[in-house]
C-alpha atoms as a PDB file:
ATOM      1  CA  MET A   1      28.893 -30.405 -27.925  1.00  0.00           C
ATOM      2  CA  ALA A   2      26.441 -30.234 -25.009  1.00  0.00           C
ATOM      3  CA  PRO A   3      27.609 -28.687 -21.739  1.00  0.00           C
ATOM      4  CA  PRO A   4      28.093 -31.088 -18.863  1.00  0.00           C
ATOM      5  CA  ALA A   5      24.925 -31.664 -16.820  1.00  0.00           C
ATOM      6  CA  GLY A   6      26.573 -30.398 -13.644  1.00  0.00           C
ATOM      7  CA  SER A   7      27.301 -26.998 -15.190  1.00  0.00           C
ATOM      8  CA  GLU A   8      23.595 -26.439 -15.949  1.00  0.00           C
ATOM      9  CA  ALA A   9      22.717 -27.155 -12.334  1.00  0.00           C
ATOM     10  CA  LYS A  10      25.422 -24.794 -11.093  1.00  0.00           C
ATOM     11  CA  LEU A  11      24.221 -22.073 -13.467  1.00  0.00           C
ATOM     12  CA  ALA A  12      20.644 -22.516 -12.237  1.00  0.00           C
ATOM     13  CA  GLU A  13      21.844 -22.358  -8.630  1.00  0.00           C
ATOM     14  CA  ARG A  14      23.835 -19.153  -9.274  1.00  0.00           C
ATOM     15  CA  MET A  15      20.857 -17.578 -11.039  1.00  0.00           C
ATOM     16  CA  ALA A  16      18.513 -18.492  -8.180  1.00  0.00           C
ATOM     17  CA  THR A  17      20.944 -17.128  -5.591  1.00  0.00           C
ATOM     18  CA  SER A  18      21.364 -13.908  -7.570  1.00  0.00           C
ATOM     19  CA  ALA A  19      17.591 -13.505  -7.981  1.00  0.00           C
ATOM     20  CA  GLN A  20      17.044 -14.013  -4.255  1.00  0.00           C
ATOM     21  CA  ALA A  21      19.694 -11.422  -3.394  1.00  0.00           C
ATOM     22  CA  SER A  22      18.170  -8.947  -5.862  1.00  0.00           C
ATOM     23  CA  ARG A  23      14.727  -9.538  -4.380  1.00  0.00           C
ATOM     24  CA  GLU A  24      16.008  -8.837  -0.870  1.00  0.00           C
ATOM     25  CA  VAL A  25      17.730  -5.627  -1.993  1.00  0.00           C
ATOM     26  CA  ALA A  26      14.531  -4.449  -3.704  1.00  0.00           C
ATOM     27  CA  TYR A  27      12.442  -5.342  -0.648  1.00  0.00           C
ATOM     28  CA  GLY A  28      14.811  -3.488   1.683  1.00  0.00           C
ATOM     29  CA  ALA A  29      14.828  -0.400  -0.524  1.00  0.00           C
ATOM     30  CA  THR A  30      11.028  -0.435  -0.745  1.00  0.00           C
ATOM     31  CA  MET A  31      10.711  -0.673   3.039  1.00  0.00           C
ATOM     32  CA  ARG A  32      13.178   2.191   3.589  1.00  0.00           C
ATOM     33  CA  TYR A  33      11.464   4.470   1.055  1.00  0.00           C
ATOM     34  CA  THR A  34       8.020   3.625   2.420  1.00  0.00           C
ATOM     35  CA  HIS A  35       9.209   4.414   5.946  1.00  0.00           C
ATOM     36  CA  GLU A  36      10.665   7.759   4.821  1.00  0.00           C
ATOM     37  CA  LEU A  37       7.441   8.640   2.997  1.00  0.00           C
ATOM     38  CA  ARG A  38       5.318   7.783   6.054  1.00  0.00           C
ATOM     39  CA  MET A  39       7.569   9.833   8.350  1.00  0.00           C
ATOM     40  CA  THR A  40       7.400  12.794   5.959  1.00  0.00           C
ATOM     41  CA  LEU A  41       3.614  12.551   5.734  1.00  0.00           C
ATOM     42  CA  ARG A  42       3.329  12.308   9.529  1.00  0.00           C
ATOM     43  CA  GLU A  43       5.373  15.507   9.870  1.00  0.00           C
ATOM     44  CA  LEU A  44       3.223  17.260   7.262  1.00  0.00           C
ATOM     45  CA  GLY A  45       0.138  15.983   9.084  1.00  0.00           C
ATOM     46  CA  SER A  46       1.429  17.400  12.379  1.00  0.00           C
ATOM     47  CA  ARG A  47       2.018  20.763  10.743  1.00  0.00           C
ATOM     48  CA  LEU A  48      -1.407  20.767   9.086  1.00  0.00           C
ATOM     49  CA  ALA A  49      -3.070  19.857  12.382  1.00  0.00           C
ATOM     50  CA  ALA A  50      -1.142  22.644  14.155  1.00  0.00           C
ATOM     51  CA  ALA A  51      -2.353  25.050  11.456  1.00  0.00           C
ATOM     52  CA  ASP A  52      -5.930  23.761  12.029  1.00  0.00           C
ATOM     53  CA  ALA A  53      -6.209  22.567   8.420  1.00  0.00           C
ATOM     54  CA  ILE A  54      -7.063  19.041   9.633  1.00  0.00           C
ATOM     55  CA  ASP A  55      -8.207  17.726  13.009  1.00  0.00           C
ATOM     56  CA  PHE A  56      -5.226  15.463  13.768  1.00  0.00           C
ATOM     57  CA  ALA A  57      -1.998  14.390  12.080  1.00  0.00           C
ATOM     58  CA  GLY A  58      -3.145  10.891  11.092  1.00  0.00           C
ATOM     59  CA  GLU A  59      -5.867  12.300   8.870  1.00  0.00           C
ATOM     60  CA  VAL A  60      -3.187  13.190   6.333  1.00  0.00           C
ATOM     61  CA  PHE A  61      -3.324   9.552   5.166  1.00  0.00           C
ATOM     62  CA  TYR A  62      -6.880  10.097   3.894  1.00  0.00           C
ATOM     63  CA  LEU A  63      -5.621  12.722   1.438  1.00  0.00           C
ATOM     64  CA  THR A  64      -3.780  12.280  -1.839  1.00  0.00           C
ATOM     65  CA  CYS A  65      -0.283  13.719  -2.168  1.00  0.00           C
ATOM     66  CA  ASP A  66      -1.632  16.523  -4.370  1.00  0.00           C
ATOM     67  CA  GLU A  67      -4.260  17.348  -1.753  1.00  0.00           C
ATOM     68  CA  VAL A  68      -1.657  17.454   1.026  1.00  0.00           C
ATOM     69  CA  VAL A  69       0.342  19.984  -0.993  1.00  0.00           C
ATOM     70  CA  THR A  70      -2.586  22.154  -2.135  1.00  0.00           C
ATOM     71  CA  MET A  71      -4.959  21.590   0.843  1.00  0.00           C
ATOM     72  CA  PRO A  72      -8.377  22.040  -0.775  1.00  0.00           C
ATOM     73  CA  SER A  73     -10.948  24.000   1.180  1.00  0.00           C
ATOM     74  CA  ASP A  74     -13.102  20.878   1.572  1.00  0.00           C
ATOM     75  CA  ALA A  75     -10.277  18.705   2.955  1.00  0.00           C
ATOM     76  CA  ARG A  76     -12.180  17.859   6.138  1.00  0.00           C
ATOM     77  CA  LEU A  77     -15.201  16.731   4.119  1.00  0.00           C
ATOM     78  CA  ARG A  78     -12.998  14.557   1.882  1.00  0.00           C
ATOM     79  CA  ILE A  79     -11.381  12.997   4.944  1.00  0.00           C
ATOM     80  CA  LYS A  80     -14.795  12.300   6.485  1.00  0.00           C
ATOM     81  CA  ARG A  81     -16.077  10.651   3.282  1.00  0.00           C
ATOM     82  CA  ARG A  82     -12.962   8.547   2.820  1.00  0.00           C
ATOM     83  CA  ARG A  83     -12.968   7.411   6.439  1.00  0.00           C
ATOM     84  CA  ALA A  84     -16.623   6.372   6.082  1.00  0.00           C
ATOM     85  CA  GLU A  85     -15.841   4.499   2.852  1.00  0.00           C
ATOM     86  CA  ARG A  86     -12.917   2.715   4.528  1.00  0.00           C
ATOM     87  CA  GLU A  87     -15.156   1.658   7.414  1.00  0.00           C
ATOM     88  CA  ARG A  88     -17.822   0.451   4.981  1.00  0.00           C
ATOM     89  CA  LEU A  89     -15.284  -1.598   3.043  1.00  0.00           C
ATOM     90  CA  GLN A  90     -13.882  -3.094   6.247  1.00  0.00           C
ATOM     91  CA  GLY A  91     -17.352  -4.440   6.981  1.00  0.00           C
ATOM     92  CA  LEU A  92     -17.553  -6.401   3.733  1.00  0.00           C
ATOM     93  CA  ARG A  93     -16.930 -10.104   3.892  1.00  0.00           C
ATOM     94  CA  LEU A  94     -14.738 -11.176   1.012  1.00  0.00           C
ATOM     95  CA  PRO A  95     -15.260 -14.583  -0.578  1.00  0.00           C
ATOM     96  CA  ASP A  96     -13.000 -17.388   0.621  1.00  0.00           C
ATOM     97  CA  VAL A  97     -12.522 -18.525  -2.965  1.00  0.00           C
ATOM     98  CA  ILE A  98     -12.902 -16.588  -6.206  1.00  0.00           C
ATOM     99  CA  ASP A  99     -14.513 -19.095  -8.555  1.00  0.00           C
ATOM    100  CA  HIS A 100     -15.742 -16.851 -11.388  1.00  0.00           C
ATOM    101  CA  THR A 101     -19.320 -16.792 -10.087  1.00  0.00           C
ATOM    102  CA  TRP A 102     -20.890 -13.475  -9.190  1.00  0.00           C
ATOM    103  CA  ARG A 103     -23.516 -12.557  -6.641  1.00  0.00           C
ATOM    104  CA  PRO A 104     -24.638  -8.962  -6.100  1.00  0.00           C
ATOM    105  CA  LEU A 105     -23.610  -7.273  -2.873  1.00  0.00           C
ATOM    106  CA  GLY A 106     -26.017  -7.973  -0.079  1.00  0.00           C
ATOM    107  CA  THR A 107     -26.630 -11.585  -1.117  1.00  0.00           C
ATOM    108  CA  ASN A 108     -23.355 -12.916   0.267  1.00  0.00           C
ATOM    109  CA  PRO A 109     -23.866 -14.618   3.626  1.00  0.00           C
ATOM    110  CA  ARG A 110     -21.906 -12.983   6.434  1.00  0.00           C
END
């Protein structure tokens, strides 16, 4: 015996409502954990800057977590390279549409 058509719709509605609630809980948790991580890294950055290991607190975001903990002797050089790479990448113009064609860098019109 097939279930009544209305029960399938109600089940689908309950599942959609539950999925939306779960998504919101996951999003909220992700935002809270990300905020806590950023605040922790900012504090570590402030301490590293005070210890003259880096130039200013925000530079901590150019280091990996392992590098923040171990502070390699070439940390300033790594930060400089990564900042330059970030600036270079910001200057690239991304295609409006990815259509499976490829053109080497430098041939894309800006």
